[in-house]
C-alpha atoms as a PDB file:
ATOM      1  CA  UNK A   1      88.290 104.176 122.421  1.00  0.00           C
ATOM      2  CA  UNK A   2      90.894 101.575 123.347  1.00  0.00           C
ATOM      3  CA  UNK A   3      93.696 102.435 125.756  1.00  0.00           C
ATOM      4  CA  UNK A   4      96.729 100.229 126.358  1.00  0.00           C
ATOM      5  CA  UNK A   5      98.706 101.552 129.312  1.00  0.00           C
ATOM      6  CA  UNK A   6     102.154 100.162 130.178  1.00  0.00           C
ATOM      7  CA  UNK A   7     100.846  96.679 129.518  1.00  0.00           C
ATOM      8  CA  UNK A   8     103.219  93.866 130.488  1.00  0.00           C
ATOM      9  CA  UNK A   9     102.568  90.137 130.142  1.00  0.00           C
ATOM     10  CA  UNK A  10     105.009  87.416 131.100  1.00  0.00           C
ATOM     11  CA  UNK A  11     104.720  83.652 130.763  1.00  0.00           C
ATOM     12  CA  UNK A  12     107.370  82.325 133.115  1.00  0.00           C
ATOM     13  CA  UNK A  13     110.641  83.911 132.019  1.00  0.00           C
ATOM     14  CA  UNK A  14     109.311  84.950 128.610  1.00  0.00           C
ATOM     15  CA  UNK A  15     108.095  88.551 128.302  1.00  0.00           C
ATOM     16  CA  UNK A  16     105.431  88.772 125.598  1.00  0.00           C
ATOM     17  CA  UNK A  17     104.369  92.384 126.272  1.00  0.00           C
ATOM     18  CA  UNK A  18     106.846  94.872 127.687  1.00  0.00           C
ATOM     19  CA  UNK A  19     105.239  98.080 129.038  1.00  0.00           C
ATOM     20  CA  UNK A  20     103.277  98.526 125.814  1.00  0.00           C
ATOM     21  CA  UNK A  21     101.244 101.731 125.496  1.00  0.00           C
ATOM     22  CA  UNK A  22      99.086 103.112 122.674  1.00  0.00           C
ATOM     23  CA  UNK A  23      95.559 104.340 121.926  1.00  0.00           C
ATOM     24  CA  UNK A  24      93.006 103.398 119.285  1.00  0.00           C
ATOM     25  CA  UNK A  25      90.652 106.277 118.589  1.00  0.00           C
ATOM     26  CA  UNK A  26      87.101 106.284 117.179  1.00  0.00           C
ATOM     27  CA  UNK A  27      86.332 107.073 113.571  1.00  0.00           C
ATOM     28  CA  UNK A  28      89.474 105.378 112.239  1.00  0.00           C
ATOM     29  CA  UNK A  29      90.593 101.941 111.152  1.00  0.00           C
ATOM     30  CA  UNK A  30      93.776 101.308 113.127  1.00  0.00           C
ATOM     31  CA  UNK A  31      96.011  98.621 111.671  1.00  0.00           C
ATOM     32  CA  UNK A  32      97.831  96.530 114.272  1.00  0.00           C
ATOM     33  CA  UNK A  33     101.090  95.188 112.853  1.00  0.00           C
ATOM     34  CA  UNK A  34     104.066  93.221 114.064  1.00  0.00           C
ATOM     35  CA  UNK A  35     106.064  90.068 113.282  1.00  0.00           C
ATOM     36  CA  UNK A  36     104.919  86.678 114.543  1.00  0.00           C
ATOM     37  CA  UNK A  37     105.362  86.592 118.303  1.00  0.00           C
ATOM     38  CA  UNK A  38     105.289  90.382 118.618  1.00  0.00           C
ATOM     39  CA  UNK A  39     102.351  90.261 121.057  1.00  0.00           C
ATOM     40  CA  UNK A  40      99.385  91.350 118.910  1.00  0.00           C
ATOM     41  CA  UNK A  41      97.060  88.486 119.815  1.00  0.00           C
ATOM     42  CA  UNK A  42      98.105  88.645 123.473  1.00  0.00           C
ATOM     43  CA  UNK A  43      97.237  92.352 123.555  1.00  0.00           C
ATOM     44  CA  UNK A  44      93.758  91.598 122.222  1.00  0.00           C
ATOM     45  CA  UNK A  45      93.291  88.715 124.643  1.00  0.00           C
ATOM     46  CA  UNK A  46      94.181  90.953 127.595  1.00  0.00           C
ATOM     47  CA  UNK A  47      91.716  93.582 126.359  1.00  0.00           C
ATOM     48  CA  UNK A  48      88.986  90.929 126.259  1.00  0.00           C
ATOM     49  CA  UNK A  49      89.783  89.543 129.696  1.00  0.00           C
ATOM     50  CA  UNK A  50      90.988  86.209 128.300  1.00  0.00           C
ATOM     51  CA  UNK A  51      94.477  86.737 129.729  1.00  0.00           C
ATOM     52  CA  UNK A  52      95.387  88.637 132.891  1.00  0.00           C
ATOM     53  CA  UNK A  53      98.195  91.190 132.551  1.00  0.00           C
ATOM     54  CA  UNK A  54     101.297  90.904 134.685  1.00  0.00           C
ATOM     55  CA  UNK A  55     101.109  94.684 135.087  1.00  0.00           C
ATOM     56  CA  UNK A  56      99.515  97.656 133.382  1.00  0.00           C
ATOM     57  CA  UNK A  57      96.042  97.528 131.907  1.00  0.00           C
ATOM     58  CA  UNK A  58      93.930  97.616 128.787  1.00  0.00           C
ATOM     59  CA  UNK A  59      90.700  99.621 128.829  1.00  0.00           C
ATOM     60  CA  UNK A  60      87.756  99.998 126.471  1.00  0.00           C
ATOM     61  CA  UNK A  61      85.999 103.336 126.867  1.00  0.00           C
ATOM     62  CA  UNK A  62      87.732 103.725 130.220  1.00  0.00           C
ATOM     63  CA  UNK A  63      86.613 100.335 131.615  1.00  0.00           C
ATOM     64  CA  UNK A  64      87.963  96.831 131.899  1.00  0.00           C
ATOM     65  CA  UNK A  65      86.106  94.252 129.828  1.00  0.00           C
ATOM     66  CA  UNK A  66      85.399  92.123 132.913  1.00  0.00           C
ATOM     67  CA  UNK A  67      83.329  94.914 134.461  1.00  0.00           C
ATOM     68  CA  UNK A  68      80.901  95.129 131.524  1.00  0.00           C
ATOM     69  CA  UNK A  69      77.485  93.614 132.244  1.00  0.00           C
ATOM     70  CA  UNK A  70      76.638  92.941 128.585  1.00  0.00           C
ATOM     71  CA  UNK A  71      80.046  93.105 126.898  1.00  0.00           C
ATOM     72  CA  UNK A  72      78.962  92.230 123.349  1.00  0.00           C
ATOM     73  CA  UNK A  73      76.884  95.391 123.276  1.00  0.00           C
ATOM     74  CA  UNK A  74      80.040  97.423 123.906  1.00  0.00           C
ATOM     75  CA  UNK A  75      82.869  95.427 122.317  1.00  0.00           C
ATOM     76  CA  UNK A  76      82.781  93.088 119.332  1.00  0.00           C
ATOM     77  CA  UNK A  77      85.720  90.831 118.559  1.00  0.00           C
ATOM     78  CA  UNK A  78      86.846  88.166 116.125  1.00  0.00           C
ATOM     79  CA  UNK A  79      89.994  86.424 117.359  1.00  0.00           C
ATOM     80  CA  UNK A  80      89.553  82.800 116.277  1.00  0.00           C
ATOM     81  CA  UNK A  81      86.977  81.854 113.646  1.00  0.00           C
ATOM     82  CA  UNK A  82      87.254  78.183 114.635  1.00  0.00           C
ATOM     83  CA  UNK A  83      86.171  78.795 118.246  1.00  0.00           C
ATOM     84  CA  UNK A  84      82.608  77.654 117.495  1.00  0.00           C
ATOM     85  CA  UNK A  85      80.777  74.457 118.435  1.00  0.00           C
ATOM     86  CA  UNK A  86      80.709  72.499 115.177  1.00  0.00           C
ATOM     87  CA  UNK A  87      77.432  70.780 116.024  1.00  0.00           C
ATOM     88  CA  UNK A  88      75.445  74.003 116.198  1.00  0.00           C
ATOM     89  CA  UNK A  89      73.925  75.848 113.297  1.00  0.00           C
ATOM     90  CA  UNK A  90      75.043  79.397 112.595  1.00  0.00           C
ATOM     91  CA  UNK A  91      71.584  80.562 113.672  1.00  0.00           C
ATOM     92  CA  UNK A  92      71.704  78.730 117.010  1.00  0.00           C
ATOM     93  CA  UNK A  93      75.249  79.915 117.704  1.00  0.00           C
ATOM     94  CA  UNK A  94      74.278  83.551 117.323  1.00  0.00           C
ATOM     95  CA  UNK A  95      71.002  83.081 119.213  1.00  0.00           C
ATOM     96  CA  UNK A  96      72.918  81.746 122.236  1.00  0.00           C
ATOM     97  CA  UNK A  97      75.227  84.757 122.176  1.00  0.00           C
ATOM     98  CA  UNK A  98      72.277  87.118 121.800  1.00  0.00           C
ATOM     99  CA  UNK A  99      70.385  85.681 124.784  1.00  0.00           C
ATOM    100  CA  UNK A 100      73.435  85.912 127.039  1.00  0.00           C
ATOM    101  CA  UNK A 101      73.851  89.601 126.215  1.00  0.00           C
ATOM    102  CA  UNK A 102      70.183  90.617 126.108  1.00  0.00           C
ATOM    103  CA  UNK A 103      70.261  91.280 122.389  1.00  0.00           C
ATOM    104  CA  UNK A 104      67.004  91.005 120.448  1.00  0.00           C
ATOM    105  CA  UNK A 105      66.753  87.871 118.309  1.00  0.00           C
ATOM    106  CA  UNK A 106      65.811  89.950 115.277  1.00  0.00           C
ATOM    107  CA  UNK A 107      69.388  91.226 115.351  1.00  0.00           C
ATOM    108  CA  UNK A 108      70.596  87.667 114.631  1.00  0.00           C
ATOM    109  CA  UNK A 109      68.735  87.678 111.326  1.00  0.00           C
ATOM    110  CA  UNK A 110      70.113  91.113 110.500  1.00  0.00           C
ATOM    111  CA  UNK A 111      73.784  90.212 110.975  1.00  0.00           C
ATOM    112  CA  UNK A 112      73.451  86.879 109.141  1.00  0.00           C
ATOM    113  CA  UNK A 113      72.123  88.847 106.194  1.00  0.00           C
ATOM    114  CA  UNK A 114      74.864  91.449 106.572  1.00  0.00           C
ATOM    115  CA  UNK A 115      77.674  88.883 106.371  1.00  0.00           C
ATOM    116  CA  UNK A 116      76.076  86.846 103.584  1.00  0.00           C
ATOM    117  CA  UNK A 117      75.193  83.721 105.594  1.00  0.00           C
ATOM    118  CA  UNK A 118      71.388  84.017 105.624  1.00  0.00           C
ATOM    119  CA  UNK A 119      71.075  81.189 103.089  1.00  0.00           C
ATOM    120  CA  UNK A 120      73.065  78.730 105.241  1.00  0.00           C
ATOM    121  CA  UNK A 121      71.879  79.892 108.673  1.00  0.00           C
ATOM    122  CA  UNK A 122      70.478  76.460 109.619  1.00  0.00           C
ATOM    123  CA  UNK A 123      73.511  74.478 108.475  1.00  0.00           C
ATOM    124  CA  UNK A 124      75.887  73.080 111.078  1.00  0.00           C
ATOM    125  CA  UNK A 125      79.035  75.108 111.514  1.00  0.00           C
ATOM    126  CA  UNK A 126      81.137  71.929 111.372  1.00  0.00           C
ATOM    127  CA  UNK A 127      80.508  71.833 107.624  1.00  0.00           C
ATOM    128  CA  UNK A 128      81.541  75.446 107.049  1.00  0.00           C
ATOM    129  CA  UNK A 129      84.688  76.413 105.159  1.00  0.00           C
ATOM    130  CA  UNK A 130      87.201  78.696 106.889  1.00  0.00           C
ATOM    131  CA  UNK A 131      85.881  81.642 104.908  1.00  0.00           C
ATOM    132  CA  UNK A 132      82.318  80.920 106.056  1.00  0.00           C
ATOM    133  CA  UNK A 133      83.518  80.662 109.659  1.00  0.00           C
ATOM    134  CA  UNK A 134      85.240  84.028 109.288  1.00  0.00           C
ATOM    135  CA  UNK A 135      81.936  85.510 108.169  1.00  0.00           C
ATOM    136  CA  UNK A 136      80.172  83.902 111.130  1.00  0.00           C
ATOM    137  CA  UNK A 137      82.794  85.264 113.510  1.00  0.00           C
ATOM    138  CA  UNK A 138      82.309  88.698 111.985  1.00  0.00           C
ATOM    139  CA  UNK A 139      78.553  88.346 112.498  1.00  0.00           C
ATOM    140  CA  UNK A 140      79.165  87.557 116.170  1.00  0.00           C
ATOM    141  CA  UNK A 141      81.386  90.631 116.517  1.00  0.00           C
ATOM    142  CA  UNK A 142      78.651  92.815 115.009  1.00  0.00           C
ATOM    143  CA  UNK A 143      75.810  91.186 116.935  1.00  0.00           C
ATOM    144  CA  UNK A 144      75.575  93.695 119.790  1.00  0.00           C
ATOM    145  CA  UNK A 145      76.016  96.702 117.461  1.00  0.00           C
ATOM    146  CA  UNK A 146      79.080  97.715 119.540  1.00  0.00           C
ATOM    147  CA  UNK A 147      81.024 100.943 119.303  1.00  0.00           C
ATOM    148  CA  UNK A 148      84.398  99.170 119.591  1.00  0.00           C
ATOM    149  CA  UNK A 149      85.472  96.306 117.326  1.00  0.00           C
ATOM    150  CA  UNK A 150      88.612  94.163 117.179  1.00  0.00           C
ATOM    151  CA  UNK A 151      89.500  91.779 114.367  1.00  0.00           C
ATOM    152  CA  UNK A 152      92.484  89.420 114.256  1.00  0.00           C
ATOM    153  CA  UNK A 153      93.298  88.313 110.682  1.00  0.00           C
ATOM    154  CA  UNK A 154      89.652  88.583 109.486  1.00  0.00           C
ATOM    155  CA  UNK A 155      90.429  87.869 105.821  1.00  0.00           C
ATOM    156  CA  UNK A 156      91.917  84.389 106.412  1.00  0.00           C
ATOM    157  CA  UNK A 157      90.155  81.924 104.128  1.00  0.00           C
ATOM    158  CA  UNK A 158      88.139  84.551 102.277  1.00  0.00           C
ATOM    159  CA  UNK A 159      87.970  84.675  98.487  1.00  0.00           C
ATOM    160  CA  UNK A 160      88.716  87.966  96.666  1.00  0.00           C
ATOM    161  CA  UNK A 161      85.094  89.066  96.916  1.00  0.00           C
ATOM    162  CA  UNK A 162      85.137  88.360 100.651  1.00  0.00           C
ATOM    163  CA  UNK A 163      88.381  90.285 101.141  1.00  0.00           C
ATOM    164  CA  UNK A 164      86.884  93.259  99.336  1.00  0.00           C
ATOM    165  CA  UNK A 165      83.744  92.991 101.482  1.00  0.00           C
ATOM    166  CA  UNK A 166      85.766  92.982 104.727  1.00  0.00           C
ATOM    167  CA  UNK A 167      87.728  96.002 103.536  1.00  0.00           C
ATOM    168  CA  UNK A 168      84.511  97.915 102.845  1.00  0.00           C
ATOM    169  CA  UNK A 169      83.007  96.777 106.157  1.00  0.00           C
ATOM    170  CA  UNK A 170      85.990  97.982 108.209  1.00  0.00           C
ATOM    171  CA  UNK A 171      85.939 101.379 106.578  1.00  0.00           C
ATOM    172  CA  UNK A 172      82.157 101.777 106.867  1.00  0.00           C
ATOM    173  CA  UNK A 173      82.252 100.882 110.577  1.00  0.00           C
ATOM    174  CA  UNK A 174      84.914 103.519 111.195  1.00  0.00           C
ATOM    175  CA  UNK A 175      82.940 106.053 109.131  1.00  0.00           C
ATOM    176  CA  UNK A 176      80.053 105.533 111.564  1.00  0.00           C
ATOM    177  CA  UNK A 177      82.324 106.733 114.371  1.00  0.00           C
ATOM    178  CA  UNK A 178      83.236 103.323 115.764  1.00  0.00           C
ATOM    179  CA  UNK A 179      86.666 102.313 117.044  1.00  0.00           C
ATOM    180  CA  UNK A 180      88.156  99.615 114.786  1.00  0.00           C
ATOM    181  CA  UNK A 181      91.369  97.702 115.560  1.00  0.00           C
ATOM    182  CA  UNK A 182      92.469  95.414 112.737  1.00  0.00           C
ATOM    183  CA  UNK A 183      95.364  92.964 112.946  1.00  0.00           C
ATOM    184  CA  UNK A 184      96.602  91.460 109.690  1.00  0.00           C
ATOM    185  CA  UNK A 185      99.760  90.274 107.957  1.00  0.00           C
ATOM    186  CA  UNK A 186      98.494  91.358 104.534  1.00  0.00           C
ATOM    187  CA  UNK A 187     100.305  94.625 103.908  1.00  0.00           C
ATOM    188  CA  UNK A 188      98.392  95.232 100.681  1.00  0.00           C
ATOM    189  CA  UNK A 189      95.115  95.180 102.622  1.00  0.00           C
ATOM    190  CA  UNK A 190      96.452  97.415 105.376  1.00  0.00           C
ATOM    191  CA  UNK A 191      97.539  99.899 102.723  1.00  0.00           C
ATOM    192  CA  UNK A 192      93.987 100.005 101.346  1.00  0.00           C
ATOM    193  CA  UNK A 193      92.081  99.792 104.632  1.00  0.00           C
ATOM    194  CA  UNK A 194      93.919 101.361 107.579  1.00  0.00           C
ATOM    195  CA  UNK A 195      93.929 105.056 108.485  1.00  0.00           C
ATOM    196  CA  UNK A 196      96.558 104.687 111.215  1.00  0.00           C
ATOM    197  CA  UNK A 197      99.105 102.022 112.061  1.00  0.00           C
ATOM    198  CA  UNK A 198     100.339 100.730 115.408  1.00  0.00           C
ATOM    199  CA  UNK A 199     103.464  98.616 114.902  1.00  0.00           C
ATOM    200  CA  UNK A 200     104.934  96.531 117.708  1.00  0.00           C
ATOM    201  CA  UNK A 201     107.954  94.235 117.961  1.00  0.00           C
ATOM    202  CA  UNK A 202     108.983  91.913 120.782  1.00  0.00           C
ATOM    203  CA  UNK A 203     106.134  93.260 122.890  1.00  0.00           C
ATOM    204  CA  UNK A 204     107.175  96.913 122.598  1.00  0.00           C
ATOM    205  CA  UNK A 205     105.793  99.800 120.590  1.00  0.00           C
ATOM    206  CA  UNK A 206     107.875 100.440 117.464  1.00  0.00           C
ATOM    207  CA  UNK A 207     105.825 103.316 116.071  1.00  0.00           C
ATOM    208  CA  UNK A 208     102.391 104.867 115.675  1.00  0.00           C
ATOM    209  CA  UNK A 209     101.946 106.435 112.248  1.00  0.00           C
ATOM    210  CA  UNK A 210      99.904 106.535 109.044  1.00  0.00           C
ATOM    211  CA  UNK A 211     100.515 104.583 105.848  1.00  0.00           C
ATOM    212  CA  UNK A 212     101.647 107.748 104.072  1.00  0.00           C
ATOM    213  CA  UNK A 213     103.965 108.848 106.870  1.00  0.00           C
ATOM    214  CA  UNK A 214     105.573 105.425 107.075  1.00  0.00           C
ATOM    215  CA  UNK A 215     106.267 105.303 103.332  1.00  0.00           C
ATOM    216  CA  UNK A 216     107.632 108.863 103.412  1.00  0.00           C
ATOM    217  CA  UNK A 217     110.100 107.932 106.159  1.00  0.00           C
ATOM    218  CA  UNK A 218     111.528 105.260 103.885  1.00  0.00           C
ATOM    219  CA  UNK A 219     111.777 107.432 100.789  1.00  0.00           C
ATOM    220  CA  UNK A 220     113.655 105.836  97.894  1.00  0.00           C
ATOM    221  CA  UNK A 221     114.351 109.163  96.185  1.00  0.00           C
ATOM    222  CA  UNK A 222     113.566 110.178  92.605  1.00  0.00           C
ATOM    223  CA  UNK A 223     114.769 108.150  89.624  1.00  0.00           C
ATOM    224  CA  UNK A 224     116.019 110.488  86.876  1.00  0.00           C
ATOM    225  CA  UNK A 225     117.288 109.603  83.407  1.00  0.00           C
ATOM    226  CA  UNK A 226     119.033 112.078  81.125  1.00  0.00           C
ATOM    227  CA  UNK A 227     121.333 111.797  78.091  1.00  0.00           C
ATOM    228  CA  UNK A 228     123.586 114.277  79.920  1.00  0.00           C
ATOM    229  CA  UNK A 229     123.590 112.525  83.281  1.00  0.00           C
ATOM    230  CA  UNK A 230     127.058 113.672  84.370  1.00  0.00           C
ATOM    231  CA  UNK A 231     126.255 117.352  83.808  1.00  0.00           C
ATOM    232  CA  UNK A 232     122.874 116.953  85.514  1.00  0.00           C
ATOM    233  CA  UNK A 233     124.552 115.339  88.521  1.00  0.00           C
ATOM    234  CA  UNK A 234     126.757 118.391  88.961  1.00  0.00           C
ATOM    235  CA  UNK A 235     123.787 120.775  88.751  1.00  0.00           C
ATOM    236  CA  UNK A 236     121.723 118.783  91.260  1.00  0.00           C
ATOM    237  CA  UNK A 237     124.584 118.351  93.730  1.00  0.00           C
ATOM    238  CA  UNK A 238     125.311 122.073  93.576  1.00  0.00           C
ATOM    239  CA  UNK A 239     121.698 122.607  94.658  1.00  0.00           C
ATOM    240  CA  UNK A 240     122.220 120.363  97.699  1.00  0.00           C
ATOM    241  CA  UNK A 241     120.925 117.043  96.379  1.00  0.00           C
ATOM    242  CA  UNK A 242     122.499 113.659  97.035  1.00  0.00           C
ATOM    243  CA  UNK A 243     122.892 111.796  93.745  1.00  0.00           C
ATOM    244  CA  UNK A 244     123.740 108.126  93.199  1.00  0.00           C
ATOM    245  CA  UNK A 245     124.333 106.569  89.791  1.00  0.00           C
ATOM    246  CA  UNK A 246     122.727 103.191  89.152  1.00  0.00           C
ATOM    247  CA  UNK A 247     124.387 100.492  87.005  1.00  0.00           C
ATOM    248  CA  UNK A 248     122.088 101.256  84.052  1.00  0.00           C
ATOM    249  CA  UNK A 249     122.986 104.970  84.131  1.00  0.00           C
ATOM    250  CA  UNK A 250     119.912 106.188  85.962  1.00  0.00           C
ATOM    251  CA  UNK A 251     120.324 108.721  88.763  1.00  0.00           C
ATOM    252  CA  UNK A 252     118.728 108.329  92.188  1.00  0.00           C
ATOM    253  CA  UNK A 253     118.231 111.819  93.591  1.00  0.00           C
ATOM    254  CA  UNK A 254     117.494 112.535  97.248  1.00  0.00           C
ATOM    255  CA  UNK A 255     116.894 115.891  98.889  1.00  0.00           C
ATOM    256  CA  UNK A 256     115.031 117.568  96.018  1.00  0.00           C
ATOM    257  CA  UNK A 257     111.396 117.341  94.961  1.00  0.00           C
ATOM    258  CA  UNK A 258     110.384 116.388  91.407  1.00  0.00           C
ATOM    259  CA  UNK A 259     109.476 119.987  90.502  1.00  0.00           C
ATOM    260  CA  UNK A 260     112.832 121.299  91.715  1.00  0.00           C
ATOM    261  CA  UNK A 261     114.715 118.682  89.691  1.00  0.00           C
ATOM    262  CA  UNK A 262     112.750 119.642  86.585  1.00  0.00           C
ATOM    263  CA  UNK A 263     113.374 123.359  87.105  1.00  0.00           C
ATOM    264  CA  UNK A 264     117.108 122.853  87.585  1.00  0.00           C
ATOM    265  CA  UNK A 265     117.370 120.650  84.487  1.00  0.00           C
ATOM    266  CA  UNK A 266     115.414 123.179  82.405  1.00  0.00           C
ATOM    267  CA  UNK A 267     117.574 126.025  83.693  1.00  0.00           C
ATOM    268  CA  UNK A 268     120.681 124.188  82.541  1.00  0.00           C
ATOM    269  CA  UNK A 269     119.193 123.165  79.191  1.00  0.00           C
ATOM    270  CA  UNK A 270     119.451 119.486  80.164  1.00  0.00           C
ATOM    271  CA  UNK A 271     116.914 117.079  78.683  1.00  0.00           C
ATOM    272  CA  UNK A 272     115.122 114.642  80.975  1.00  0.00           C
ATOM    273  CA  UNK A 273     113.877 111.284  79.710  1.00  0.00           C
ATOM    274  CA  UNK A 274     112.397 110.105  83.031  1.00  0.00           C
ATOM    275  CA  UNK A 275     111.576 111.575  86.427  1.00  0.00           C
ATOM    276  CA  UNK A 276     109.901 109.016  88.719  1.00  0.00           C
ATOM    277  CA  UNK A 277     109.398 109.352  92.498  1.00  0.00           C
ATOM    278  CA  UNK A 278     110.242 106.072  94.213  1.00  0.00           C
ATOM    279  CA  UNK A 279     108.679 105.652  97.637  1.00  0.00           C
ATOM    280  CA  UNK A 280     108.829 102.409  99.568  1.00  0.00           C
ATOM    281  CA  UNK A 281     105.772 100.201  99.577  1.00  0.00           C
ATOM    282  CA  UNK A 282     104.122  99.664 102.941  1.00  0.00           C
ATOM    283  CA  UNK A 283     105.569  96.159 103.012  1.00  0.00           C
ATOM    284  CA  UNK A 284     109.122  97.399 102.364  1.00  0.00           C
ATOM    285  CA  UNK A 285     108.840 100.125 104.986  1.00  0.00           C
ATOM    286  CA  UNK A 286     107.368  97.697 107.506  1.00  0.00           C
ATOM    287  CA  UNK A 287     110.107  95.122 106.902  1.00  0.00           C
ATOM    288  CA  UNK A 288     112.820  97.711 107.417  1.00  0.00           C
ATOM    289  CA  UNK A 289     111.178  99.053 110.552  1.00  0.00           C
ATOM    290  CA  UNK A 290     110.734  95.632 112.183  1.00  0.00           C
ATOM    291  CA  UNK A 291     113.942  93.999 110.968  1.00  0.00           C
ATOM    292  CA  UNK A 292     115.364  93.868 114.499  1.00  0.00           C
ATOM    293  CA  UNK A 293     112.108  92.570 115.993  1.00  0.00           C
ATOM    294  CA  UNK A 294     111.678  89.358 114.003  1.00  0.00           C
ATOM    295  CA  UNK A 295     111.816  86.440 116.421  1.00  0.00           C
ATOM    296  CA  UNK A 296     111.227  83.577 113.979  1.00  0.00           C
ATOM    297  CA  UNK A 297     113.357  83.902 110.842  1.00  0.00           C
ATOM    298  CA  UNK A 298     113.715  81.242 108.152  1.00  0.00           C
ATOM    299  CA  UNK A 299     117.225  80.279 107.146  1.00  0.00           C
ATOM    300  CA  UNK A 300     118.529  81.379 103.741  1.00  0.00           C
ATOM    301  CA  UNK A 301     119.781  79.076 101.035  1.00  0.00           C
END
């Protein structure tokens, strides 16, 4: 379990994290979202002891990372796939990490196979593509068979097969009861991978929710088409619905479920040509929720 408790981080006069608090529980993939500059990477760096907090703390299973004797056996992390000595082979890189954390060398072979790099294990990392480095970084995160894992943009540079593999890996790790924190800007992947979402903006918690709950909050209503739209509008409004007419004659109905709309239309003898629920996509809901938290915004034309 990961616990962030009133975490604050300042660089000079700039506050990157502002009393941020949330939990990441085992058995779930928790998506970590926020605009650029929101503080996601800083939160992970504080958790891993790479940055010291100004106040507050981040704990893994009730302990600070710096107090762990063999940290890779408790926490695995991929923050920067390029943070590898280019002159080393993938095999040597993982062997060095294994020795420093008292991990059996047979485990190196296992994780290289798991991430699909067994065939290039003796090649120098300097010749790896970004996607291959992402796989190597994932192997390093898995090396100690830890119960807590953190990944920052793990699909960068991966081809479609690699993206699908990462998605399956995240979900299988959570299914084993591990704690998985996943930061990504790809909303489509979060929608397919994450069980829960932690969304931050300008260093503060915006919300903790699920994909379904977030979409439901930003409901777009039900699109209804009928050859007797005016009469249907009166029936629906009398039942308490809010009805808006679109330029093409379609009705957007809020406040009534699809079944209720159908029952009311049938009761009034009104034909329906279309009844389509319209919920916001995760991306649309996220954009609305973080609209006031975007620090770097491109100018319009």
